[in-house]
Amino acid sequence: MTEHVEAWLAQRTSTAGDWPHAAVMAAKNADVAVILPALNEAQTVGQIVNTLRTELLGSLVDDLVVLDSGSTDATAAVAKEHGARVVALDEVFPALPPLRGKGEAMWRALAATSAEVVVFIDADLRSFSADYVRGLLGPLFADPQVALVKAVYERPLVQGESVVPAGGGRVTELVARPLLNLYWPQLAGVIQPLAGEYAARRSLLERLPFPVGYGVEFAMLVDTAELLGVDAIAQVDLGVRLHRHQDERRLGLMAAQIMQAALRRLDPQLHASRGVGQAMAQFGRVGTDFVGTWHPIVDVERPPLATAPAGQWA
């Protein structure tokens, strides 16, 4: 298996510098939508949208969508001001009550555009450049066998004046990577399995279920490999990624959702036997006692869009 992973790494890994704008434009063979799922990202979404609009929209990018998941800040206004098409979560499939989660936003955003190729970009990036999109699109346009391109980057952990190189991928190293190496070893060469920046063909995305929460990237990777094989996946090194970090409690909830997605795929019968209404307890000291707070873990996967009857949620 090690030899197969090393061969895949050599064949399917490139850098953003390998995909200059002129070459990617010359190879472009499909409409492209860039989607930013966003929740309370007013501080960063404007810069990302502005870069996309001024450098790529109308040439490499045909549609620029910010899917606002009910922000309470000025995310929607800032995104619209800088030139994005802003879509509210409940505007897509209005007859279907929305759930809160990244995967939910991505699933509805996919339905809000008709582009043949979709690029997902996290809206909290502080290091975004147009090279991200060019790099992710390059392998898709160059090789018809490639259906999903994941970002690779270094993720420093920035806390005040302290910077820990490569310290930002805690859930990746403690949860996602062990699961992949143990149960999907053919994917062991994917350096950033939970990367929020990736490009994919619509023909693939419409065949995949979408966990509504943070299990969506893990599920998409595993399901693509099962459906099309690992050679349908490529990865592109985008350098250093700076973004907002979550605290350990939030990371714990994210990890639980990834584990749910993994268990659903490893043992559907065991997963189904757990029942509904899952919750996770987290504890903190209050005075001399430890007090628990229970957080619901939503365990819902939206069906592949290709299987949805026309007009079902209109």
Protein backbone atom coordinates (compact mmCIF):
# COMPACT_ATOMS: atom_id res chain seq x y z
CA MET A 1 0.00 0.00 0.00
CA THR A 2 2.88 2.38 0.75
CA GLU A 3 4.15 2.07 -2.82
CA HIS A 4 0.69 2.86 -4.19
CA VAL A 5 0.39 5.96 -1.98
CA GLU A 6 3.83 7.19 -3.00
CA ALA A 7 2.98 6.68 -6.66
CA TRP A 8 -0.26 8.60 -6.21
CA LEU A 9 1.59 11.43 -4.45
CA ALA A 10 4.05 11.73 -7.32
CA GLN A 11 1.34 11.67 -9.98
CA ARG A 12 -1.40 13.69 -8.34
CA THR A 13 0.41 16.40 -6.33
CA SER A 14 1.36 19.76 -7.81
CA THR A 15 1.85 23.37 -6.70
CA ALA A 16 -0.07 26.52 -7.48
CA GLY A 17 2.95 27.72 -9.45
CA ASP A 18 2.50 24.83 -11.86
CA TRP A 19 -0.77 26.36 -13.02
CA PRO A 20 -0.25 29.91 -14.37
CA HIS A 21 -3.28 31.93 -15.35
CA ALA A 22 -2.69 31.78 -19.10
CA ALA A 23 -2.32 28.00 -19.09
CA VAL A 24 -5.43 27.45 -16.98
CA MET A 25 -7.46 29.83 -19.15
CA ALA A 26 -6.31 28.06 -22.30
CA ALA A 27 -7.37 24.70 -20.85
CA LYS A 28 -10.72 25.92 -19.47
CA ASN A 29 -13.50 23.74 -20.81
CA ALA A 30 -16.41 24.36 -18.42
CA ASP A 31 -18.27 27.12 -16.58
CA VAL A 32 -16.86 27.76 -13.10
CA ALA A 33 -18.59 28.91 -9.94
CA VAL A 34 -16.72 29.91 -6.80
CA ILE A 35 -18.77 29.37 -3.65
CA LEU A 36 -18.04 30.83 -0.22
CA PRO A 37 -20.14 29.31 2.58
CA ALA A 38 -20.20 32.08 5.18
CA LEU A 39 -21.41 32.63 8.72
CA ASN A 40 -20.42 35.88 10.46
CA GLU A 41 -17.36 36.48 8.29
CA ALA A 42 -17.77 40.21 7.65
CA GLN A 43 -14.13 40.90 8.56
CA THR A 44 -12.68 38.65 5.84
CA VAL A 45 -15.29 37.95 3.17
CA GLY A 46 -14.94 41.36 1.50
CA GLN A 47 -11.25 40.97 0.68
CA ILE A 48 -11.78 37.49 -0.75
CA VAL A 49 -14.74 38.55 -2.88
CA ASN A 50 -12.96 41.68 -4.09
CA THR A 51 -9.93 39.65 -5.19
CA LEU A 52 -12.11 37.17 -7.05
CA ARG A 53 -14.17 39.89 -8.72
CA THR A 54 -11.25 42.02 -9.86
CA GLU A 55 -8.90 39.22 -10.95
CA LEU A 56 -11.02 36.27 -12.06
CA LEU A 57 -14.73 37.03 -12.46
CA GLY A 58 -15.72 37.22 -16.11
CA SER A 59 -12.70 35.25 -17.27
CA LEU A 60 -11.76 32.12 -15.34
CA VAL A 61 -14.76 32.42 -12.99
CA ASP A 62 -18.32 32.73 -14.31
CA ASP A 63 -20.31 32.87 -11.06
CA LEU A 64 -19.35 34.10 -7.59
CA VAL A 65 -21.69 33.03 -4.80
CA VAL A 66 -21.64 33.77 -1.09
CA LEU A 67 -24.06 31.44 0.71
CA ASP A 68 -24.99 33.27 3.90
CA SER A 69 -25.98 30.84 6.64
CA GLY A 70 -27.91 33.36 8.75
CA SER A 71 -25.12 35.73 9.74
CA THR A 72 -25.89 38.24 12.48
CA ASP A 73 -23.12 40.59 11.35
CA ALA A 74 -22.70 42.42 8.02
CA THR A 75 -21.43 39.40 6.06
CA ALA A 76 -24.17 39.54 3.43
CA ALA A 77 -23.96 43.31 2.95
CA VAL A 78 -20.16 43.29 2.69
CA ALA A 79 -20.16 40.41 0.20
CA LYS A 80 -22.77 42.09 -1.98
CA GLU A 81 -20.98 45.43 -1.82
CA HIS A 82 -17.79 43.83 -3.13
CA GLY A 83 -19.54 42.10 -6.03
CA ALA A 84 -20.72 38.65 -4.96
CA ARG A 85 -24.09 37.13 -5.67
CA VAL A 86 -25.39 36.63 -2.14
CA VAL A 87 -27.82 33.79 -1.49
CA ALA A 88 -29.49 33.23 1.87
CA LEU A 89 -29.66 29.68 3.22
CA ASP A 90 -33.46 29.52 3.19
CA GLU A 91 -33.76 30.91 -0.35
CA VAL A 92 -32.68 27.54 -1.75
CA PHE A 93 -35.28 24.78 -1.34
CA PRO A 94 -37.60 27.12 0.63
CA ALA A 95 -39.99 24.28 1.48
CA LEU A 96 -37.19 22.38 3.25
CA PRO A 97 -36.45 23.74 6.76
CA PRO A 98 -32.74 24.60 6.89
CA LEU A 99 -30.30 23.05 9.32
CA ARG A 100 -27.24 24.84 10.68
CA GLY A 101 -23.94 23.53 9.39
CA LYS A 102 -21.23 23.92 6.78
CA GLY A 103 -22.35 20.93 4.73
CA GLU A 104 -25.91 22.26 4.63
CA ALA A 105 -24.65 25.56 3.23
CA MET A 106 -22.54 23.80 0.60
CA TRP A 107 -25.37 21.52 -0.49
CA ARG A 108 -27.79 24.38 -0.94
CA ALA A 109 -25.14 26.54 -2.63
CA LEU A 110 -24.49 23.78 -5.15
CA ALA A 111 -28.18 23.88 -6.03
CA ALA A 112 -28.01 27.67 -6.37
CA THR A 113 -25.63 27.56 -9.33
CA SER A 114 -25.59 25.58 -12.55
CA ALA A 115 -21.83 25.73 -13.15
CA GLU A 116 -20.18 22.53 -14.34
CA VAL A 117 -17.18 23.05 -12.04
CA VAL A 118 -17.44 24.36 -8.49
CA VAL A 119 -14.67 25.77 -6.30
CA PHE A 120 -15.36 25.99 -2.56
CA ILE A 121 -13.41 28.59 -0.57
CA ASP A 122 -13.72 29.17 3.19
CA ALA A 123 -14.82 32.72 3.96
CA ASP A 124 -12.55 33.17 6.99
CA LEU A 125 -9.24 33.15 5.07
CA ARG A 126 -6.74 35.89 5.84
CA SER A 127 -4.21 34.74 3.26
CA PHE A 128 -6.35 34.39 0.13
CA SER A 129 -5.04 35.04 -3.37
CA ALA A 130 -6.40 34.31 -6.84
CA ASP A 131 -3.71 31.65 -7.16
CA TYR A 132 -5.85 29.47 -4.89
CA VAL A 133 -8.55 29.21 -7.54
CA ARG A 134 -6.16 28.92 -10.47
CA GLY A 135 -4.23 26.15 -8.73
CA LEU A 136 -7.32 24.16 -7.80
CA LEU A 137 -8.77 24.39 -11.30
CA GLY A 138 -5.57 23.46 -13.12
CA PRO A 139 -5.66 19.67 -12.60
CA LEU A 140 -9.39 19.51 -13.41
CA PHE A 141 -8.98 21.20 -16.77
CA ALA A 142 -5.76 19.34 -17.61
CA ASP A 143 -6.99 15.80 -16.88
CA PRO A 144 -10.57 14.60 -17.49
CA GLN A 145 -10.01 11.72 -15.03
CA VAL A 146 -9.60 14.15 -12.12
CA ALA A 147 -12.91 15.00 -10.45
CA LEU A 148 -11.86 16.45 -7.07
CA VAL A 149 -8.86 18.67 -6.28
CA LYS A 150 -7.98 19.32 -2.63
CA ALA A 151 -5.83 22.15 -1.33
CA VAL A 152 -2.55 21.47 0.45
CA TYR A 153 -1.00 24.11 2.70
CA GLU A 154 0.87 24.77 5.88
CA ARG A 155 -1.47 25.87 8.68
CA PRO A 156 0.40 27.81 11.38
CA LEU A 157 -1.41 28.21 14.70
CA VAL A 158 -1.42 31.94 15.49
CA GLN A 159 -2.31 32.92 19.06
CA GLY A 160 -1.53 36.55 19.75
CA GLU A 161 2.21 37.00 19.21
CA SER A 162 2.81 33.24 19.26
CA VAL A 163 3.09 31.30 16.00
CA VAL A 164 3.33 27.50 15.95
CA PRO A 165 4.32 26.31 12.43
CA ALA A 166 1.95 23.65 11.09
CA GLY A 167 0.07 23.74 14.40
CA GLY A 168 -3.32 24.63 12.97
CA GLY A 169 -4.45 21.20 11.78
CA ARG A 170 -5.35 19.67 15.12
CA VAL A 171 -8.53 17.84 14.09
CA THR A 172 -6.76 16.59 10.97
CA GLU A 173 -3.88 15.06 12.92
CA LEU A 174 -5.92 13.69 15.84
CA VAL A 175 -9.04 12.45 14.02
CA ALA A 176 -9.13 12.57 10.22
CA ARG A 177 -5.66 11.28 9.41
CA PRO A 178 -5.80 8.30 11.83
CA LEU A 179 -9.21 7.30 10.44
CA LEU A 180 -7.98 7.47 6.84
CA ASN A 181 -4.78 5.54 7.54
CA LEU A 182 -6.63 2.83 9.45
CA TYR A 183 -9.69 2.33 7.25
CA TRP A 184 -9.04 4.05 3.91
CA PRO A 185 -5.27 3.65 3.52
CA GLN A 186 -5.48 4.42 -0.19
CA LEU A 187 -6.15 8.02 0.92
CA ALA A 188 -3.15 8.23 3.26
CA GLY A 189 -1.36 10.55 0.83
CA VAL A 190 -4.02 13.27 1.07
CA ILE A 191 -2.14 15.88 3.06
CA GLN A 192 -5.07 18.11 4.05
CA PRO A 193 -8.18 15.89 4.04
CA LEU A 194 -10.27 18.54 5.81
CA ALA A 195 -9.20 21.45 3.61
CA GLY A 196 -12.07 23.84 2.99
CA GLU A 197 -10.61 24.87 -0.35
CA TYR A 198 -11.22 22.45 -3.22
CA ALA A 199 -12.59 22.20 -6.73
CA ALA A 200 -14.87 19.50 -8.09
CA ARG A 201 -16.93 18.61 -11.11
CA ARG A 202 -20.65 19.03 -10.76
CA SER A 203 -21.10 15.57 -12.23
CA LEU A 204 -19.37 14.22 -9.10
CA LEU A 205 -20.88 16.55 -6.49
CA GLU A 206 -24.45 15.78 -7.53
CA ARG A 207 -23.82 12.08 -6.83
CA LEU A 208 -22.58 12.62 -3.27
CA PRO A 209 -24.52 12.90 0.00
CA PHE A 210 -23.66 15.96 2.10
CA PRO A 211 -23.42 15.65 5.89
CA VAL A 212 -24.90 18.91 7.12
CA GLY A 213 -22.03 19.67 9.52
CA TYR A 214 -18.24 19.52 9.56
CA GLY A 215 -18.13 15.91 8.43
CA VAL A 216 -18.76 17.07 4.87
CA GLU A 217 -15.12 17.31 3.71
CA PHE A 218 -14.21 13.93 5.16
CA ALA A 219 -17.28 12.29 3.64
CA MET A 220 -16.71 13.89 0.25
CA LEU A 221 -13.15 12.60 0.12
CA VAL A 222 -14.02 9.04 1.13
CA ASP A 223 -17.11 8.87 -1.07
CA THR A 224 -15.20 10.14 -4.11
CA ALA A 225 -12.52 7.48 -3.65
CA GLU A 226 -15.18 4.77 -3.26
CA LEU A 227 -17.14 6.00 -6.27
CA LEU A 228 -14.40 6.87 -8.76
CA GLY A 229 -11.14 5.60 -7.26
CA VAL A 230 -8.29 7.51 -5.69
CA ASP A 231 -6.87 8.57 -9.06
CA ALA A 232 -9.91 10.82 -9.50
CA ILE A 233 -8.47 12.95 -6.65
CA ALA A 234 -5.58 15.39 -6.91
CA GLN A 235 -4.04 17.94 -4.55
CA VAL A 236 -2.35 21.30 -5.07
CA ASP A 237 0.07 23.04 -2.69
CA LEU A 238 -1.17 26.59 -2.07
CA GLY A 239 1.56 27.57 0.39
CA VAL A 240 0.53 28.95 3.80
CA ARG A 241 -3.06 29.28 4.95
CA LEU A 242 -4.00 31.81 7.63
CA HIS A 243 -7.51 31.77 9.05
CA ARG A 244 -9.53 32.09 12.23
CA HIS A 245 -8.85 29.29 14.73
CA GLN A 246 -11.41 27.50 16.85
CA ASP A 247 -10.97 26.71 20.52
CA GLU A 248 -10.64 23.12 21.77
CA ARG A 249 -14.31 22.78 22.66
CA ARG A 250 -15.42 23.77 19.18
CA LEU A 251 -12.82 21.44 17.70
CA GLY A 252 -14.21 18.62 19.83
CA LEU A 253 -17.65 19.09 18.33
CA MET A 254 -16.16 19.16 14.85
CA ALA A 255 -14.28 15.94 15.58
CA ALA A 256 -17.49 14.23 16.71
CA GLN A 257 -19.19 15.09 13.42
CA ILE A 258 -16.27 13.69 11.44
CA MET A 259 -16.42 10.47 13.47
CA GLN A 260 -20.14 10.22 12.73
CA ALA A 261 -19.49 10.49 8.99
CA ALA A 262 -16.77 7.85 9.23
CA LEU A 263 -18.92 5.42 11.25
CA ARG A 264 -21.82 5.80 8.83
CA ARG A 265 -19.50 4.63 6.06
CA LEU A 266 -17.63 1.95 7.99
CA ASP A 267 -20.62 0.23 9.56
CA PRO A 268 -24.03 1.55 8.49
CA GLN A 269 -25.86 -0.98 10.66
CA LEU A 270 -23.98 0.01 13.82
CA HIS A 271 -24.43 3.68 12.97
CA ALA A 272 -28.18 3.23 12.53
CA SER A 273 -28.49 1.33 15.81
CA ARG A 274 -27.36 4.29 17.91
CA GLY A 275 -30.72 6.01 17.63
CA VAL A 276 -31.30 9.74 17.23
CA GLY A 277 -30.82 12.79 19.40
CA GLN A 278 -27.08 12.39 19.85
CA ALA A 279 -25.42 14.95 22.12
CA MET A 280 -21.94 15.58 23.43
CA ALA A 281 -21.09 16.65 26.98
CA GLN A 282 -18.30 19.11 27.64
CA PHE A 283 -17.24 20.05 31.15
CA GLY A 284 -15.87 23.10 32.89
CA ARG A 285 -15.22 23.95 36.51
CA VAL A 286 -17.65 26.31 38.23
CA GLY A 287 -16.50 27.05 41.75
CA THR A 288 -15.62 23.69 43.24
CA ASP A 289 -17.74 21.61 40.85
CA PHE A 290 -17.52 20.45 37.26
CA VAL A 291 -20.59 21.45 35.26
CA GLY A 292 -21.50 19.77 32.00
CA THR A 293 -22.92 21.47 28.92
CA TRP A 294 -24.68 19.26 26.40
CA HIS A 295 -24.30 20.05 22.72
CA PRO A 296 -26.54 18.36 20.15
CA ILE A 297 -24.68 16.62 17.34
CA VAL A 298 -26.80 16.82 14.20
CA ASP A 299 -26.47 13.54 12.33
CA VAL A 300 -28.20 14.28 9.04
CA GLU A 301 -26.92 13.82 5.51
CA ARG A 302 -28.61 15.56 2.64
CA PRO A 303 -29.19 13.23 -0.33
CA PRO A 304 -27.29 13.53 -3.60
CA LEU A 305 -28.87 16.28 -5.66
CA ALA A 306 -29.07 13.95 -8.64
CA THR A 307 -31.56 11.79 -6.72
CA ALA A 308 -33.88 14.63 -5.67
CA PRO A 309 -37.20 14.61 -7.53
CA ALA A 310 -37.76 17.78 -9.47
CA GLY A 311 -39.63 20.34 -7.43
CA GLN A 312 -39.49 18.30 -4.21
CA TRP A 313 -38.35 21.23 -2.07
CA ALA A 314 -39.43 24.16 -4.22
